Amino acid sequence: MAKPDQNQVLRQLPIAVGVVAGTLLMANRLLTPSLTPSQARSDALGVILSALLILTGLLWQRIQPRPPDVVELTGEAGFELAADLPDSVQVELAWASHLLLTNTATRSLLIWYNGQVLLRRGILSKNSEVKLGAIAQRVLDTQKPVYLVKLDLYPGRVEFDYLPENTQGVICQPIGTQGVLILGANAPRSYTQQDENWVDGIADKLANTLSQLVPTAHP
């Protein structure tokens, strides 16, 4: 369910007041049989003030944009770790996933490394089988992350069937040359540039750990 925007009324109030005031001025002008110079000046001033109110409201819409709609992802909360990981790796994966889930819009994530799913956490899809599609494979090949700001707009969204079906945004972040960190958000356009930098830093740390401690992860 989308979270209500509590500032929406405030942002639209100047526009509404300006429109109402302008309409009343026009009606008053049409119903007045004869205008005095002072009334004409008053009407002109009222029109200017109404226009300023409408302009103020439009500027507020740009300066304070409506926040993205937040949805409740479909699925069950869970935390799955590959059983054959060393304790130190499990601790680091748990730490990294916790940071992402609590400090960003991420509500579902998984870590795929060297052909194996090492972790799934957050709201989990019923489909636990992960097959990397064209987008995730391109991330591995180019070593460049991909941010799908509004998943519904991309035909390639079908490859992310291992995420909740109503996932709103996705980040695919390479973990070295062997893995990918996939994050699912509960709102479109919800990751900031700072979030992306944060994700990149965590992925670099995981790449270093996994390259040393999980060199033999089987496909």
Protein backbone atom coordinates (compact mmCIF):
# COMPACT_ATOMS: atom_id res chain seq x y z
CA MET A 1 0.00 0.00 0.00
CA ALA A 2 1.34 3.44 -0.93
CA LYS A 3 2.33 5.64 1.94
CA PRO A 4 0.25 8.87 2.00
CA ASP A 5 2.10 12.08 1.27
CA GLN A 6 1.40 14.25 4.31
CA ASN A 7 2.74 17.41 2.61
CA GLN A 8 0.62 17.09 -0.51
CA VAL A 9 -2.13 19.43 0.78
CA LEU A 10 0.40 22.08 1.78
CA ARG A 11 2.10 21.97 -1.62
CA GLN A 12 -1.21 22.36 -3.44
CA LEU A 13 -2.73 24.99 -1.13
CA PRO A 14 -1.20 28.08 -2.85
CA ILE A 15 -2.38 26.83 -6.25
CA ALA A 16 -5.92 26.24 -4.97
CA VAL A 17 -6.10 29.63 -3.25
CA GLY A 18 -4.74 31.40 -6.33
CA VAL A 19 -7.25 29.73 -8.65
CA VAL A 20 -10.19 30.44 -6.34
CA ALA A 21 -9.15 34.05 -5.84
CA GLY A 22 -8.67 34.61 -9.57
CA THR A 23 -12.06 33.06 -10.32
CA LEU A 24 -13.81 35.27 -7.76
CA LEU A 25 -12.13 38.38 -9.14
CA MET A 26 -13.26 37.53 -12.65
CA ALA A 27 -16.82 36.84 -11.51
CA ASN A 28 -16.90 40.10 -9.57
CA ARG A 29 -15.60 41.97 -12.64
CA LEU A 30 -18.28 40.47 -14.89
CA LEU A 31 -21.08 41.23 -12.44
CA THR A 32 -20.08 44.83 -11.84
CA PRO A 33 -22.02 47.16 -14.20
CA SER A 34 -19.47 49.98 -14.04
CA LEU A 35 -15.91 50.03 -12.78
CA THR A 36 -14.29 52.82 -10.91
CA PRO A 37 -10.57 53.50 -11.39
CA SER A 38 -9.87 52.35 -7.83
CA GLN A 39 -11.72 49.07 -8.40
CA ALA A 40 -9.82 48.47 -11.62
CA ARG A 41 -6.55 48.96 -9.78
CA SER A 42 -7.71 46.60 -7.02
CA ASP A 43 -8.69 43.95 -9.57
CA ALA A 44 -5.29 44.21 -11.28
CA LEU A 45 -3.51 43.83 -7.94
CA GLY A 46 -5.70 40.84 -7.06
CA VAL A 47 -4.88 39.15 -10.37
CA ILE A 48 -1.17 39.67 -9.77
CA LEU A 49 -1.41 38.22 -6.25
CA SER A 50 -3.40 35.22 -7.53
CA ALA A 51 -0.80 34.57 -10.20
CA LEU A 52 1.98 34.77 -7.60
CA LEU A 53 0.18 32.23 -5.40
CA ILE A 54 -0.17 29.81 -8.31
CA LEU A 55 3.49 30.30 -9.26
CA THR A 56 4.53 29.70 -5.64
CA GLY A 57 2.57 26.46 -5.58
CA LEU A 58 4.17 25.27 -8.81
CA LEU A 59 7.64 26.06 -7.46
CA TRP A 60 6.87 24.10 -4.29
CA GLN A 61 5.96 21.12 -6.45
CA ARG A 62 9.47 21.23 -7.97
CA ILE A 63 11.41 22.08 -4.80
CA GLN A 64 9.49 19.59 -2.65
CA PRO A 65 8.64 16.80 -5.11
CA ARG A 66 6.17 14.14 -4.20
CA PRO A 67 8.00 11.22 -2.60
CA PRO A 68 7.91 7.91 -4.48
CA ASP A 69 5.08 5.51 -3.70
CA VAL A 70 6.12 2.84 -1.24
CA VAL A 71 4.61 -0.63 -1.55
CA GLU A 72 4.53 -3.67 0.70
CA LEU A 73 6.58 -6.27 -1.13
CA THR A 74 4.89 -9.61 -1.76
CA GLY A 75 6.54 -12.50 0.03
CA GLU A 76 7.72 -13.70 3.40
CA ALA A 77 10.55 -12.26 5.46
CA GLY A 78 13.52 -14.61 5.63
CA PHE A 79 17.26 -14.98 6.02
CA GLU A 80 19.03 -17.76 4.13
CA LEU A 81 22.78 -18.40 4.13
CA ALA A 82 24.72 -21.07 2.27
CA ALA A 83 25.49 -23.76 4.85
CA ASP A 84 29.06 -24.46 3.73
CA LEU A 85 30.41 -20.95 4.34
CA PRO A 86 33.07 -20.32 6.99
CA ASP A 87 31.79 -18.56 10.09
CA SER A 88 33.77 -15.40 9.32
CA VAL A 89 32.16 -15.13 5.88
CA GLN A 90 28.70 -15.72 7.29
CA VAL A 91 29.25 -12.93 9.80
CA GLU A 92 30.40 -10.51 7.11
CA LEU A 93 27.50 -11.33 4.80
CA ALA A 94 25.05 -10.90 7.66
CA TRP A 95 26.64 -7.56 8.57
CA ALA A 96 26.58 -6.25 5.00
CA SER A 97 22.99 -7.31 4.33
CA HIS A 98 21.83 -5.81 7.63
CA LEU A 99 23.38 -2.44 6.73
CA LEU A 100 21.73 -2.41 3.32
CA LEU A 101 18.31 -3.38 4.66
CA THR A 102 18.34 -0.82 7.45
CA ASN A 103 20.02 2.15 5.74
CA THR A 104 18.60 2.10 2.21
CA ALA A 105 15.29 1.44 0.47
CA THR A 106 16.38 -2.19 0.00
CA ARG A 107 13.81 -4.68 1.24
CA SER A 108 15.04 -7.80 -0.53
CA LEU A 109 18.56 -8.80 -1.52
CA LEU A 110 20.68 -11.70 -2.59
CA ILE A 111 24.35 -12.38 -3.15
CA TRP A 112 25.34 -14.66 -6.03
CA TYR A 113 28.98 -15.68 -6.25
CA ASN A 114 30.76 -18.12 -8.55
CA GLY A 115 27.57 -19.90 -9.56
CA GLN A 116 26.16 -20.18 -6.05
CA VAL A 117 23.62 -18.18 -4.08
CA LEU A 118 25.39 -17.35 -0.84
CA LEU A 119 22.66 -15.29 0.79
CA ARG A 120 19.02 -14.28 0.46
CA ARG A 121 17.57 -11.87 2.99
CA GLY A 122 14.60 -9.58 3.51
CA ILE A 123 11.31 -10.21 1.75
CA LEU A 124 11.88 -13.40 -0.22
CA SER A 125 10.19 -14.63 -3.37
CA LYS A 126 8.80 -18.15 -3.45
CA ASN A 127 11.19 -18.82 -6.32
CA SER A 128 14.54 -19.60 -4.70
CA GLU A 129 16.24 -20.67 -7.94
CA VAL A 130 18.46 -17.90 -9.28
CA LYS A 131 19.43 -17.90 -12.93
CA LEU A 132 21.30 -14.80 -14.01
CA GLY A 133 19.65 -13.10 -16.96
CA ALA A 134 21.03 -10.73 -19.58
CA ILE A 135 21.12 -7.68 -17.29
CA ALA A 136 22.95 -9.38 -14.43
CA GLN A 137 25.32 -11.09 -16.85
CA ARG A 138 26.14 -7.75 -18.46
CA VAL A 139 26.97 -6.37 -15.02
CA LEU A 140 29.47 -9.21 -14.55
CA ASP A 141 30.94 -8.79 -18.03
CA THR A 142 31.34 -5.01 -17.91
CA GLN A 143 32.04 -4.71 -14.17
CA LYS A 144 29.63 -1.78 -14.07
CA PRO A 145 26.52 -1.63 -11.87
CA VAL A 146 23.03 -1.22 -13.30
CA TYR A 147 20.26 0.67 -11.52
CA LEU A 148 16.74 0.03 -12.82
CA VAL A 149 14.98 3.00 -11.25
CA LYS A 150 11.44 1.77 -11.97
CA LEU A 151 11.41 -1.92 -12.72
CA ASP A 152 8.00 -1.93 -14.42
CA LEU A 153 9.43 0.14 -17.28
CA TYR A 154 12.02 -2.45 -18.31
CA PRO A 155 11.16 -5.50 -20.44
CA GLY A 156 14.14 -7.25 -18.84
CA ARG A 157 12.37 -7.25 -15.46
CA VAL A 158 11.24 -10.83 -16.13
CA GLU A 159 14.72 -12.11 -15.30
CA PHE A 160 14.31 -10.96 -11.69
CA ASP A 161 11.68 -13.58 -10.89
CA TYR A 162 13.72 -14.51 -7.82
CA LEU A 163 12.76 -11.16 -6.25
CA PRO A 164 9.27 -10.28 -4.94
CA GLU A 165 6.95 -9.85 -7.92
CA ASN A 166 6.11 -6.22 -7.05
CA THR A 167 9.69 -5.07 -6.57
CA GLN A 168 9.84 -1.42 -7.58
CA GLY A 169 13.54 -0.81 -8.24
CA VAL A 170 16.65 -2.97 -8.63
CA ILE A 171 20.38 -2.44 -8.30
CA CYS A 172 22.75 -5.04 -9.77
CA GLN A 173 26.20 -4.45 -8.33
CA PRO A 174 29.24 -6.53 -9.35
CA ILE A 175 31.18 -8.29 -6.61
CA GLY A 176 34.55 -8.58 -8.26
CA THR A 177 34.52 -10.64 -11.44
CA GLN A 178 32.74 -13.65 -9.95
CA GLY A 179 29.65 -12.34 -8.21
CA VAL A 180 26.78 -9.92 -8.14
CA LEU A 181 24.84 -8.22 -5.37
CA ILE A 182 21.16 -7.77 -6.30
CA LEU A 183 19.03 -5.35 -4.31
CA GLY A 184 15.26 -4.96 -4.56
CA ALA A 185 13.59 -1.75 -3.37
CA ASN A 186 10.00 -1.13 -2.27
CA ALA A 187 9.75 2.25 -4.06
CA PRO A 188 10.79 3.47 -7.52
CA ARG A 189 13.62 6.00 -7.86
CA SER A 190 14.41 5.51 -4.19
CA TYR A 191 18.21 5.10 -4.27
CA THR A 192 20.27 8.28 -4.04
CA GLN A 193 23.77 8.74 -5.41
CA GLN A 194 25.04 8.36 -1.86
CA ASP A 195 23.19 5.02 -1.59
CA GLU A 196 24.80 3.84 -4.82
CA ASN A 197 28.24 4.79 -3.53
CA TRP A 198 27.47 2.96 -0.28
CA VAL A 199 26.45 -0.17 -2.19
CA ASP A 200 29.60 0.03 -4.30
CA GLY A 201 31.80 0.22 -1.19
CA ILE A 202 30.11 -2.76 0.46
CA ALA A 203 30.43 -4.80 -2.73
CA ASP A 204 34.16 -4.05 -2.90
CA LYS A 205 34.58 -5.24 0.69
CA LEU A 206 32.64 -8.43 -0.02
CA ALA A 207 34.68 -9.06 -3.18
CA ASN A 208 37.88 -8.96 -1.18
CA THR A 209 36.53 -11.32 1.47
CA LEU A 210 34.96 -13.82 -0.91
CA SER A 211 37.98 -13.95 -3.22
CA GLN A 212 40.12 -15.09 -0.29
CA LEU A 213 37.74 -17.26 1.69
CA VAL A 214 35.43 -18.77 -0.92
CA PRO A 215 37.76 -19.60 -3.81
CA THR A 216 36.20 -23.00 -4.40
CA ALA A 217 32.50 -22.14 -4.42
CA HIS A 218 31.00 -24.69 -6.78
CA PRO A 219 28.77 -23.76 -9.78
